[in-house]
Amino acid sequence: MESEIILFFDGECFICNYSVRIIEKLDAYNQFKYTSLSSNYTKENHPLLRNQNSVVVFFKDKYFYESEAVLLILGKSYWPFRIISMLFSFVPKRLRNYLYQFIARNRYRFFKKVEHCSLLDSSTREKLIE
């Protein structure tokens, strides 16, 4: 089994919460843990992330941001998503990040804002770091 992966996400963002639910189903090796960017855990253990406006993945003592975080998540999922990760890794990082930033900037316009982290599934709840 590989190292644990911590995924930091915007707990008020509908698309972020929904994405975590999908990632949970695609977690090939049961290695993802989840926490909100505004959680006490993040504030106490990863204070540099408190003003972050992007998904962040912490894996093997390294932070991955924006499209690199997404590619890492896909690469650690089941096989069809691993191929997608490999294919998109050939797209220039600048272009991938531009697309990621466009979606991130407009996420509350495209999708509703939630009042709180809505990870209600019990298996996902067990992996939530508060």
C-alpha atoms as a PDB file:
ATOM      1  CA  MET A   1       0.000   0.000   0.000  1.00  0.00           C
ATOM      2  CA  GLU A   2       1.232   3.460  -0.867  1.00  0.00           C
ATOM      3  CA  SER A   3       1.498   6.487   1.408  1.00  0.00           C
ATOM      4  CA  GLU A   4      -1.549   8.295   2.655  1.00  0.00           C
ATOM      5  CA  ILE A   5      -2.688  11.251   0.571  1.00  0.00           C
ATOM      6  CA  ILE A   6      -4.361  14.262   2.189  1.00  0.00           C
ATOM      7  CA  LEU A   7      -6.699  16.252  -0.029  1.00  0.00           C
ATOM      8  CA  PHE A   8      -7.490  19.809   1.093  1.00  0.00           C
ATOM      9  CA  PHE A   9     -10.646  21.271  -0.428  1.00  0.00           C
ATOM     10  CA  ASP A  10     -13.049  24.210  -0.109  1.00  0.00           C
ATOM     11  CA  GLY A  11     -15.696  22.921   2.298  1.00  0.00           C
ATOM     12  CA  GLU A  12     -18.243  25.528   1.155  1.00  0.00           C
ATOM     13  CA  CYS A  13     -17.935  24.689  -2.521  1.00  0.00           C
ATOM     14  CA  PHE A  14     -20.599  22.362  -3.930  1.00  0.00           C
ATOM     15  CA  ILE A  15     -18.380  21.091  -6.758  1.00  0.00           C
ATOM     16  CA  CYS A  16     -15.508  20.488  -4.304  1.00  0.00           C
ATOM     17  CA  ASN A  17     -17.722  18.461  -1.952  1.00  0.00           C
ATOM     18  CA  TYR A  18     -19.170  16.517  -4.874  1.00  0.00           C
ATOM     19  CA  SER A  19     -15.674  15.864  -6.246  1.00  0.00           C
ATOM     20  CA  VAL A  20     -14.573  14.408  -2.906  1.00  0.00           C
ATOM     21  CA  ARG A  21     -17.511  12.002  -3.037  1.00  0.00           C
ATOM     22  CA  ILE A  22     -16.459  10.879  -6.513  1.00  0.00           C
ATOM     23  CA  ILE A  23     -12.796  10.579  -5.503  1.00  0.00           C
ATOM     24  CA  GLU A  24     -13.847   8.404  -2.574  1.00  0.00           C
ATOM     25  CA  LYS A  25     -15.473   5.962  -4.994  1.00  0.00           C
ATOM     26  CA  LEU A  26     -12.386   5.981  -7.246  1.00  0.00           C
ATOM     27  CA  ASP A  27      -9.848   5.572  -4.429  1.00  0.00           C
ATOM     28  CA  ALA A  28      -8.142   2.429  -5.720  1.00  0.00           C
ATOM     29  CA  TYR A  29      -5.963   1.822  -2.641  1.00  0.00           C
ATOM     30  CA  ASN A  30      -7.995   3.469   0.133  1.00  0.00           C
ATOM     31  CA  GLN A  31      -5.260   6.038   0.611  1.00  0.00           C
ATOM     32  CA  PHE A  32      -7.085   9.395   0.483  1.00  0.00           C
ATOM     33  CA  LYS A  33      -7.948  11.423   3.568  1.00  0.00           C
ATOM     34  CA  TYR A  34      -9.898  14.666   3.281  1.00  0.00           C
ATOM     35  CA  THR A  35      -9.981  17.976   5.101  1.00  0.00           C
ATOM     36  CA  SER A  36     -11.391  21.394   4.465  1.00  0.00           C
ATOM     37  CA  LEU A  37      -8.983  24.249   3.811  1.00  0.00           C
ATOM     38  CA  SER A  38     -10.692  26.034   6.728  1.00  0.00           C
ATOM     39  CA  SER A  39     -10.541  23.087   9.174  1.00  0.00           C
ATOM     40  CA  ASN A  40      -8.782  23.247  12.529  1.00  0.00           C
ATOM     41  CA  TYR A  41      -6.429  20.527  11.289  1.00  0.00           C
ATOM     42  CA  THR A  42      -5.372  22.686   8.340  1.00  0.00           C
ATOM     43  CA  LYS A  43      -4.982  25.797  10.506  1.00  0.00           C
ATOM     44  CA  GLU A  44      -2.855  23.969  13.071  1.00  0.00           C
ATOM     45  CA  ASN A  45      -0.799  21.628  10.866  1.00  0.00           C
ATOM     46  CA  HIS A  46      -0.656  23.353   7.470  1.00  0.00           C
ATOM     47  CA  PRO A  47      -0.958  27.096   8.229  1.00  0.00           C
ATOM     48  CA  LEU A  48       0.531  28.081   4.858  1.00  0.00           C
ATOM     49  CA  LEU A  49      -2.640  26.796   3.214  1.00  0.00           C
ATOM     50  CA  ARG A  50      -5.051  29.065   5.079  1.00  0.00           C
ATOM     51  CA  ASN A  51      -5.377  31.534   2.178  1.00  0.00           C
ATOM     52  CA  GLN A  52      -5.269  28.918  -0.555  1.00  0.00           C
ATOM     53  CA  ASN A  53      -7.997  29.083  -3.183  1.00  0.00           C
ATOM     54  CA  SER A  54      -7.288  25.768  -4.873  1.00  0.00           C
ATOM     55  CA  VAL A  55      -7.479  22.075  -4.247  1.00  0.00           C
ATOM     56  CA  VAL A  56      -4.245  20.994  -2.582  1.00  0.00           C
ATOM     57  CA  VAL A  57      -2.867  17.496  -2.212  1.00  0.00           C
ATOM     58  CA  PHE A  58      -0.212  16.620   0.363  1.00  0.00           C
ATOM     59  CA  PHE A  59       1.661  13.457  -0.605  1.00  0.00           C
ATOM     60  CA  LYS A  60       5.107  12.239   0.458  1.00  0.00           C
ATOM     61  CA  ASP A  61       5.897  15.532   2.246  1.00  0.00           C
ATOM     62  CA  LYS A  62       5.147  17.601  -0.868  1.00  0.00           C
ATOM     63  CA  TYR A  63       2.254  19.895  -1.799  1.00  0.00           C
ATOM     64  CA  PHE A  64       0.553  19.685  -5.195  1.00  0.00           C
ATOM     65  CA  TYR A  65      -1.666  22.558  -6.358  1.00  0.00           C
ATOM     66  CA  GLU A  66      -4.297  23.162  -9.004  1.00  0.00           C
ATOM     67  CA  SER A  67      -3.987  20.923 -12.078  1.00  0.00           C
ATOM     68  CA  GLU A  68      -1.043  18.999 -10.639  1.00  0.00           C
ATOM     69  CA  ALA A  69      -3.214  18.049  -7.656  1.00  0.00           C
ATOM     70  CA  VAL A  70      -5.987  16.921 -10.000  1.00  0.00           C
ATOM     71  CA  LEU A  71      -3.554  14.841 -12.075  1.00  0.00           C
ATOM     72  CA  LEU A  72      -2.164  13.201  -8.935  1.00  0.00           C
ATOM     73  CA  ILE A  73      -5.693  12.354  -7.745  1.00  0.00           C
ATOM     74  CA  LEU A  74      -6.578  10.857 -11.135  1.00  0.00           C
ATOM     75  CA  GLY A  75      -3.275   8.995 -11.238  1.00  0.00           C
ATOM     76  CA  LYS A  76      -4.011   7.333  -7.891  1.00  0.00           C
ATOM     77  CA  SER A  77      -7.521   6.284  -8.963  1.00  0.00           C
ATOM     78  CA  TYR A  78      -8.741   3.272 -10.917  1.00  0.00           C
ATOM     79  CA  TRP A  79      -7.229   2.525 -14.330  1.00  0.00           C
ATOM     80  CA  PRO A  80      -9.311   4.581 -16.770  1.00  0.00           C
ATOM     81  CA  PHE A  81      -8.545   7.709 -14.758  1.00  0.00           C
ATOM     82  CA  ARG A  82      -4.855   6.861 -14.604  1.00  0.00           C
ATOM     83  CA  ILE A  83      -4.806   6.984 -18.401  1.00  0.00           C
ATOM     84  CA  ILE A  84      -6.595  10.353 -18.365  1.00  0.00           C
ATOM     85  CA  SER A  85      -3.965  11.605 -15.922  1.00  0.00           C
ATOM     86  CA  MET A  86      -1.152  10.449 -18.187  1.00  0.00           C
ATOM     87  CA  LEU A  87      -2.753  12.022 -21.270  1.00  0.00           C
ATOM     88  CA  PHE A  88      -3.369  15.381 -19.580  1.00  0.00           C
ATOM     89  CA  SER A  89       0.173  15.427 -18.213  1.00  0.00           C
ATOM     90  CA  PHE A  90       1.234  16.147 -21.817  1.00  0.00           C
ATOM     91  CA  VAL A  91      -0.885  19.318 -21.867  1.00  0.00           C
ATOM     92  CA  PRO A  92       1.310  22.257 -20.843  1.00  0.00           C
ATOM     93  CA  LYS A  93       0.969  23.028 -17.137  1.00  0.00           C
ATOM     94  CA  ARG A  94       0.241  26.668 -17.859  1.00  0.00           C
ATOM     95  CA  LEU A  95      -2.775  25.738 -19.992  1.00  0.00           C
ATOM     96  CA  ARG A  96      -4.029  23.160 -17.474  1.00  0.00           C
ATOM     97  CA  ASN A  97      -3.754  25.688 -14.657  1.00  0.00           C
ATOM     98  CA  TYR A  98      -5.501  28.376 -16.711  1.00  0.00           C
ATOM     99  CA  LEU A  99      -8.495  26.058 -17.141  1.00  0.00           C
ATOM    100  CA  TYR A 100      -8.385  25.057 -13.471  1.00  0.00           C
ATOM    101  CA  GLN A 101      -8.232  28.715 -12.341  1.00  0.00           C
ATOM    102  CA  PHE A 102     -11.142  29.663 -14.600  1.00  0.00           C
ATOM    103  CA  ILE A 103     -13.326  27.003 -12.992  1.00  0.00           C
ATOM    104  CA  ALA A 104     -12.091  27.895  -9.478  1.00  0.00           C
ATOM    105  CA  ARG A 105     -12.799  31.616  -9.961  1.00  0.00           C
ATOM    106  CA  ASN A 106     -16.320  30.928 -11.182  1.00  0.00           C
ATOM    107  CA  ARG A 107     -17.261  27.925  -9.046  1.00  0.00           C
ATOM    108  CA  TYR A 108     -19.807  29.840  -6.961  1.00  0.00           C
ATOM    109  CA  ARG A 109     -21.337  31.286 -10.118  1.00  0.00           C
ATOM    110  CA  PHE A 110     -21.601  27.871 -11.816  1.00  0.00           C
ATOM    111  CA  PHE A 111     -22.543  25.909  -8.706  1.00  0.00           C
ATOM    112  CA  LYS A 112     -24.230  26.754  -5.429  1.00  0.00           C
ATOM    113  CA  LYS A 113     -22.357  27.491  -2.229  1.00  0.00           C
ATOM    114  CA  VAL A 114     -23.025  25.120   0.669  1.00  0.00           C
ATOM    115  CA  GLU A 115     -23.224  26.215   4.298  1.00  0.00           C
ATOM    116  CA  HIS A 116     -20.962  23.447   5.552  1.00  0.00           C
ATOM    117  CA  CYS A 117     -19.019  20.437   4.421  1.00  0.00           C
ATOM    118  CA  SER A 118     -21.664  17.995   3.216  1.00  0.00           C
ATOM    119  CA  LEU A 119     -19.723  14.733   3.195  1.00  0.00           C
ATOM    120  CA  LEU A 120     -22.514  12.667   4.697  1.00  0.00           C
ATOM    121  CA  ASP A 121     -21.502   9.238   3.424  1.00  0.00           C
ATOM    122  CA  SER A 122     -20.233   7.262   6.436  1.00  0.00           C
ATOM    123  CA  SER A 123     -17.170   5.836   4.676  1.00  0.00           C
ATOM    124  CA  THR A 124     -16.145   9.324   3.545  1.00  0.00           C
ATOM    125  CA  ARG A 125     -16.887  10.773   6.984  1.00  0.00           C
ATOM    126  CA  GLU A 126     -14.446   8.260   8.506  1.00  0.00           C
ATOM    127  CA  LYS A 127     -11.686   9.655   6.268  1.00  0.00           C
ATOM    128  CA  LEU A 128     -12.469  13.291   7.052  1.00  0.00           C
ATOM    129  CA  ILE A 129      -9.818  15.029   9.156  1.00  0.00           C
ATOM    130  CA  GLU A 130     -11.331  17.765  11.275  1.00  0.00           C
END
